[in-house]
Amino acid sequence: MWLGRFGNFHLPYRLQISCSYIRTQLRSFCNKNRIRVLILLPVQCKMARAAIAWGVRDLAREANVSPDTIARLERGEPLKENTITAIRKALEAAGVEFIPQNGGGPGVRLASAHQE
């Protein structure tokens, strides 16, 4: 029985569970070994754009990607790691700080003018 989608390929249910298990184990490993994984969630991208009053086209221009790429990110579609890094760096250069999920959920805030 084919239940889920992965890119253009359908995965059987058992394989979906395996992928979920691997992701969980990877997160656990990264947390235990203090490896920082740069993740940009769709909601964080939207919140960051709202905080600095940028539209999709503004962010796309600054990150040197297409506006469709930003829209795909905000819909939760998978993107290449380099693309996500470019978008995240563009937002950070504009003064956005990303807050990891630490009990209160992931978020963003504007960086203070005086970094101590």
N, C-alpha and C. Protein backbone atom coordinates (compact mmCIF):
# COMPACT_ATOMS: atom_id res chain seq x y z
N MET A 1 0.85 -1.17 0.00
CA MET A 1 0.00 0.00 0.00
C MET A 1 0.90 1.24 0.00
N TRP A 2 0.64 2.17 -0.90
CA TRP A 2 1.42 3.39 -1.03
C TRP A 2 0.64 4.53 -0.40
N LEU A 3 1.16 5.07 0.68
CA LEU A 3 0.41 6.08 1.42
C LEU A 3 0.98 7.48 1.34
N GLY A 4 2.27 7.62 1.26
CA GLY A 4 2.85 8.96 1.36
C GLY A 4 3.64 9.33 0.13
N ARG A 5 4.01 10.60 0.05
CA ARG A 5 4.81 11.08 -1.07
C ARG A 5 6.14 11.60 -0.57
N PHE A 6 7.17 11.39 -1.34
CA PHE A 6 8.49 11.91 -1.04
C PHE A 6 9.05 12.41 -2.35
N GLY A 7 9.01 13.72 -2.57
CA GLY A 7 9.43 14.25 -3.86
C GLY A 7 8.48 13.73 -4.93
N ASN A 8 9.03 13.14 -5.97
CA ASN A 8 8.21 12.57 -7.04
C ASN A 8 7.97 11.08 -6.85
N PHE A 9 8.44 10.53 -5.75
CA PHE A 9 8.33 9.10 -5.51
C PHE A 9 7.35 8.83 -4.39
N HIS A 10 6.59 7.79 -4.53
CA HIS A 10 5.70 7.34 -3.46
C HIS A 10 6.47 6.36 -2.59
N LEU A 11 6.33 6.51 -1.28
CA LEU A 11 7.01 5.61 -0.36
C LEU A 11 6.00 4.71 0.32
N PRO A 12 6.36 3.44 0.55
CA PRO A 12 5.47 2.58 1.32
C PRO A 12 5.44 3.04 2.78
N TYR A 13 4.39 2.67 3.47
CA TYR A 13 4.18 3.12 4.85
C TYR A 13 5.36 2.77 5.74
N ARG A 14 5.91 1.56 5.63
CA ARG A 14 7.04 1.16 6.49
C ARG A 14 8.24 2.06 6.28
N LEU A 15 8.48 2.47 5.04
CA LEU A 15 9.60 3.34 4.75
C LEU A 15 9.37 4.74 5.31
N GLN A 16 8.11 5.20 5.29
CA GLN A 16 7.79 6.50 5.89
C GLN A 16 8.14 6.50 7.37
N ILE A 17 7.78 5.44 8.05
CA ILE A 17 8.09 5.33 9.48
C ILE A 17 9.59 5.32 9.69
N SER A 18 10.32 4.63 8.83
CA SER A 18 11.78 4.58 8.94
C SER A 18 12.37 5.97 8.79
N CYS A 19 11.87 6.75 7.82
CA CYS A 19 12.37 8.11 7.62
C CYS A 19 12.10 8.97 8.85
N SER A 20 10.92 8.83 9.42
CA SER A 20 10.57 9.58 10.62
C SER A 20 11.49 9.20 11.77
N TYR A 21 11.76 7.91 11.92
CA TYR A 21 12.65 7.43 12.98
C TYR A 21 14.06 7.99 12.79
N ILE A 22 14.55 7.99 11.56
CA ILE A 22 15.89 8.50 11.27
C ILE A 22 15.97 9.99 11.61
N ARG A 23 14.94 10.76 11.23
CA ARG A 23 14.94 12.19 11.56
C ARG A 23 14.97 12.41 13.06
N THR A 24 14.21 11.62 13.80
CA THR A 24 14.17 11.74 15.26
C THR A 24 15.53 11.42 15.85
N GLN A 25 16.16 10.36 15.37
CA GLN A 25 17.48 9.98 15.87
C GLN A 25 18.53 11.04 15.53
N LEU A 26 18.44 11.62 14.35
CA LEU A 26 19.39 12.66 13.94
C LEU A 26 19.25 13.89 14.84
N ARG A 27 18.01 14.31 15.12
CA ARG A 27 17.80 15.45 16.02
C ARG A 27 18.38 15.16 17.40
N SER A 28 18.14 13.94 17.90
CA SER A 28 18.65 13.56 19.22
C SER A 28 20.17 13.59 19.23
N PHE A 29 20.81 13.06 18.19
CA PHE A 29 22.26 13.06 18.10
C PHE A 29 22.80 14.48 18.07
N CYS A 30 22.18 15.34 17.27
CA CYS A 30 22.65 16.73 17.17
C CYS A 30 22.50 17.46 18.49
N ASN A 31 21.40 17.22 19.19
CA ASN A 31 21.19 17.88 20.48
C ASN A 31 22.21 17.39 21.52
N LYS A 32 22.47 16.10 21.57
CA LYS A 32 23.40 15.55 22.54
C LYS A 32 24.83 16.02 22.29
N ASN A 33 25.20 16.16 21.04
CA ASN A 33 26.57 16.52 20.68
C ASN A 33 26.72 18.01 20.37
N ARG A 34 25.68 18.77 20.65
CA ARG A 34 25.67 20.22 20.46
C ARG A 34 26.06 20.64 19.04
N ILE A 35 25.57 19.87 18.09
CA ILE A 35 25.76 20.24 16.70
C ILE A 35 24.62 21.15 16.32
N ARG A 36 24.95 22.29 15.75
CA ARG A 36 23.92 23.25 15.40
C ARG A 36 23.45 22.99 13.98
N VAL A 37 22.20 22.66 13.84
CA VAL A 37 21.61 22.42 12.54
C VAL A 37 20.79 23.66 12.19
N LEU A 38 21.16 24.31 11.10
CA LEU A 38 20.44 25.51 10.70
C LEU A 38 19.19 25.12 9.94
N ILE A 39 18.08 25.36 10.56
CA ILE A 39 16.80 25.04 9.96
C ILE A 39 16.00 26.34 9.86
N LEU A 40 15.33 26.51 8.77
CA LEU A 40 14.46 27.67 8.59
C LEU A 40 13.07 27.13 8.34
N LEU A 41 12.19 27.29 9.31
CA LEU A 41 10.83 26.81 9.18
C LEU A 41 10.00 27.80 8.36
N PRO A 42 8.98 27.32 7.67
CA PRO A 42 8.13 28.22 6.87
C PRO A 42 7.56 29.38 7.70
N VAL A 43 7.10 29.08 8.89
CA VAL A 43 6.52 30.12 9.73
C VAL A 43 7.57 31.15 10.15
N GLN A 44 8.82 30.70 10.36
CA GLN A 44 9.88 31.63 10.71
C GLN A 44 10.18 32.58 9.55
N CYS A 45 10.15 32.06 8.35
CA CYS A 45 10.40 32.89 7.18
C CYS A 45 9.32 33.97 7.06
N LYS A 46 8.07 33.58 7.24
CA LYS A 46 6.97 34.55 7.16
C LYS A 46 7.07 35.59 8.26
N MET A 47 7.37 35.14 9.48
CA MET A 47 7.49 36.08 10.60
C MET A 47 8.65 37.04 10.40
N ALA A 48 9.77 36.52 9.88
CA ALA A 48 10.94 37.37 9.64
C ALA A 48 10.63 38.43 8.59
N ARG A 49 9.96 38.04 7.51
CA ARG A 49 9.61 39.01 6.48
C ARG A 49 8.68 40.09 7.03
N ALA A 50 7.74 39.68 7.88
CA ALA A 50 6.81 40.65 8.47
C ALA A 50 7.56 41.60 9.41
N ALA A 51 8.51 41.08 10.14
CA ALA A 51 9.26 41.91 11.10
C ALA A 51 10.07 43.00 10.42
N ILE A 52 10.60 42.72 9.24
CA ILE A 52 11.42 43.73 8.55
C ILE A 52 10.68 44.36 7.37
N ALA A 53 9.38 44.07 7.27
CA ALA A 53 8.50 44.65 6.25
C ALA A 53 9.00 44.38 4.82
N TRP A 54 9.38 43.14 4.58
CA TRP A 54 9.80 42.72 3.25
C TRP A 54 8.71 41.86 2.63
N GLY A 55 8.53 42.02 1.35
CA GLY A 55 7.67 41.13 0.60
C GLY A 55 8.46 39.95 0.09
N VAL A 56 7.79 39.06 -0.58
CA VAL A 56 8.44 37.88 -1.14
C VAL A 56 9.52 38.30 -2.15
N ARG A 57 9.20 39.28 -2.98
CA ARG A 57 10.16 39.72 -4.00
C ARG A 57 11.39 40.37 -3.37
N ASP A 58 11.20 41.11 -2.28
CA ASP A 58 12.34 41.74 -1.60
C ASP A 58 13.31 40.68 -1.08
N LEU A 59 12.75 39.68 -0.40
CA LEU A 59 13.59 38.62 0.14
C LEU A 59 14.27 37.83 -0.98
N ALA A 60 13.52 37.57 -2.04
CA ALA A 60 14.10 36.83 -3.17
C ALA A 60 15.27 37.58 -3.79
N ARG A 61 15.12 38.88 -3.92
CA ARG A 61 16.20 39.69 -4.49
C ARG A 61 17.43 39.65 -3.59
N GLU A 62 17.25 39.82 -2.28
CA GLU A 62 18.38 39.84 -1.34
C GLU A 62 19.06 38.47 -1.22
N ALA A 63 18.29 37.40 -1.33
CA ALA A 63 18.85 36.05 -1.21
C ALA A 63 19.33 35.50 -2.56
N ASN A 64 19.06 36.25 -3.62
CA ASN A 64 19.46 35.85 -4.97
C ASN A 64 18.80 34.54 -5.38
N VAL A 65 17.49 34.44 -5.09
CA VAL A 65 16.68 33.30 -5.51
C VAL A 65 15.42 33.85 -6.16
N SER A 66 14.62 32.98 -6.72
CA SER A 66 13.39 33.45 -7.36
C SER A 66 12.27 33.61 -6.32
N PRO A 67 11.30 34.48 -6.60
CA PRO A 67 10.16 34.61 -5.69
C PRO A 67 9.39 33.29 -5.52
N ASP A 68 9.38 32.47 -6.56
CA ASP A 68 8.71 31.17 -6.45
C ASP A 68 9.40 30.27 -5.41
N THR A 69 10.72 30.42 -5.29
CA THR A 69 11.46 29.63 -4.30
C THR A 69 11.04 30.02 -2.89
N ILE A 70 10.88 31.33 -2.65
CA ILE A 70 10.42 31.79 -1.33
C ILE A 70 9.02 31.26 -1.06
N ALA A 71 8.15 31.31 -2.06
CA ALA A 71 6.78 30.80 -1.90
C ALA A 71 6.79 29.31 -1.60
N ARG A 72 7.67 28.55 -2.27
CA ARG A 72 7.75 27.11 -2.00
C ARG A 72 8.23 26.85 -0.58
N LEU A 73 9.20 27.63 -0.11
CA LEU A 73 9.68 27.48 1.27
C LEU A 73 8.54 27.74 2.25
N GLU A 74 7.79 28.80 2.01
CA GLU A 74 6.71 29.17 2.94
C GLU A 74 5.52 28.22 2.87
N ARG A 75 5.43 27.44 1.81
CA ARG A 75 4.40 26.40 1.73
C ARG A 75 4.87 25.10 2.39
N GLY A 76 6.15 25.06 2.75
CA GLY A 76 6.69 23.88 3.41
C GLY A 76 7.26 22.85 2.47
N GLU A 77 7.48 23.22 1.22
CA GLU A 77 8.05 22.28 0.26
C GLU A 77 9.56 22.18 0.50
N PRO A 78 10.15 21.02 0.21
CA PRO A 78 11.59 20.85 0.43
C PRO A 78 12.42 21.67 -0.56
N LEU A 79 13.50 22.26 -0.05
CA LEU A 79 14.44 23.02 -0.87
C LEU A 79 15.84 22.50 -0.60
N LYS A 80 16.76 22.87 -1.47
CA LYS A 80 18.15 22.49 -1.27
C LYS A 80 18.73 23.23 -0.07
N GLU A 81 19.67 22.60 0.60
CA GLU A 81 20.28 23.19 1.80
C GLU A 81 20.94 24.54 1.50
N ASN A 82 21.61 24.64 0.35
CA ASN A 82 22.26 25.90 -0.02
C ASN A 82 21.26 27.03 -0.20
N THR A 83 20.09 26.71 -0.73
CA THR A 83 19.05 27.71 -0.93
C THR A 83 18.53 28.21 0.41
N ILE A 84 18.27 27.29 1.32
CA ILE A 84 17.78 27.68 2.64
C ILE A 84 18.82 28.52 3.36
N THR A 85 20.09 28.16 3.23
CA THR A 85 21.17 28.92 3.86
C THR A 85 21.22 30.33 3.29
N ALA A 86 21.06 30.48 1.99
CA ALA A 86 21.10 31.81 1.37
C ALA A 86 19.94 32.67 1.86
N ILE A 87 18.78 32.09 1.98
CA ILE A 87 17.60 32.83 2.47
C ILE A 87 17.81 33.24 3.92
N ARG A 88 18.28 32.31 4.73
CA ARG A 88 18.51 32.60 6.15
C ARG A 88 19.55 33.69 6.33
N LYS A 89 20.65 33.63 5.56
CA LYS A 89 21.69 34.65 5.67
C LYS A 89 21.18 36.02 5.24
N ALA A 90 20.34 36.07 4.23
CA ALA A 90 19.77 37.35 3.80
C ALA A 90 18.91 37.96 4.90
N LEU A 91 18.13 37.13 5.57
CA LEU A 91 17.29 37.63 6.66
C LEU A 91 18.15 38.05 7.86
N GLU A 92 19.19 37.29 8.16
CA GLU A 92 20.07 37.66 9.27
C GLU A 92 20.82 38.95 8.97
N ALA A 93 21.22 39.15 7.72
CA ALA A 93 21.91 40.39 7.34
C ALA A 93 20.98 41.60 7.46
N ALA A 94 19.68 41.35 7.35
CA ALA A 94 18.70 42.43 7.49
C ALA A 94 18.35 42.70 8.95
N GLY A 95 18.92 41.93 9.87
CA GLY A 95 18.70 42.20 11.29
C GLY A 95 17.75 41.26 12.00
N VAL A 96 17.51 40.09 11.43
CA VAL A 96 16.62 39.11 12.05
C VAL A 96 17.45 38.08 12.79
N GLU A 97 17.03 37.73 14.00
CA GLU A 97 17.63 36.64 14.76
C GLU A 97 16.62 35.52 14.84
N PHE A 98 17.07 34.29 14.64
CA PHE A 98 16.20 33.14 14.72
C PHE A 98 16.28 32.52 16.10
N ILE A 99 15.13 32.24 16.67
CA ILE A 99 15.05 31.66 18.01
C ILE A 99 14.71 30.18 17.84
N PRO A 100 15.56 29.29 18.35
CA PRO A 100 15.28 27.85 18.19
C PRO A 100 14.10 27.43 19.05
N GLN A 101 13.59 26.26 18.75
CA GLN A 101 12.50 25.72 19.56
C GLN A 101 13.08 25.29 20.89
N ASN A 102 12.69 25.98 21.95
CA ASN A 102 13.23 25.69 23.28
C ASN A 102 12.11 25.67 24.31
N GLY A 103 11.07 24.95 23.98
CA GLY A 103 9.94 24.87 24.89
C GLY A 103 8.82 25.81 24.52
N GLY A 104 9.17 26.98 23.98
CA GLY A 104 8.15 27.94 23.59
C GLY A 104 7.87 27.94 22.11
N GLY A 105 8.56 27.11 21.37
CA GLY A 105 8.38 27.06 19.93
C GLY A 105 9.37 27.94 19.21
N PRO A 106 9.64 27.65 17.95
CA PRO A 106 10.58 28.44 17.18
C PRO A 106 10.02 29.82 16.89
N GLY A 107 10.91 30.79 16.70
CA GLY A 107 10.46 32.14 16.41
C GLY A 107 11.56 32.99 15.82
N VAL A 108 11.28 34.28 15.73
CA VAL A 108 12.25 35.25 15.25
C VAL A 108 12.14 36.51 16.09
N ARG A 109 13.18 37.31 16.05
CA ARG A 109 13.15 38.63 16.68
C ARG A 109 14.14 39.51 15.93
N LEU A 110 13.99 40.79 16.11
CA LEU A 110 14.94 41.72 15.50
C LEU A 110 16.17 41.80 16.39
N ALA A 111 17.31 41.79 15.76
CA ALA A 111 18.57 41.89 16.50
C ALA A 111 18.67 43.27 17.11
N SER A 112 19.24 43.34 18.30
CA SER A 112 19.42 44.65 18.93
C SER A 112 20.52 45.39 18.20
N ALA A 113 20.46 46.71 18.24
CA ALA A 113 21.44 47.53 17.53
C ALA A 113 22.82 47.39 18.15
N HIS A 114 22.86 47.13 19.43
CA HIS A 114 24.15 47.03 20.14
C HIS A 114 24.36 45.59 20.57
N GLN A 115 25.20 44.87 19.84
CA GLN A 115 25.53 43.49 20.20
C GLN A 115 26.62 43.54 21.28
N GLU A 116 26.33 43.02 22.44
CA GLU A 116 27.31 43.09 23.55
C GLU A 116 28.21 41.90 23.54
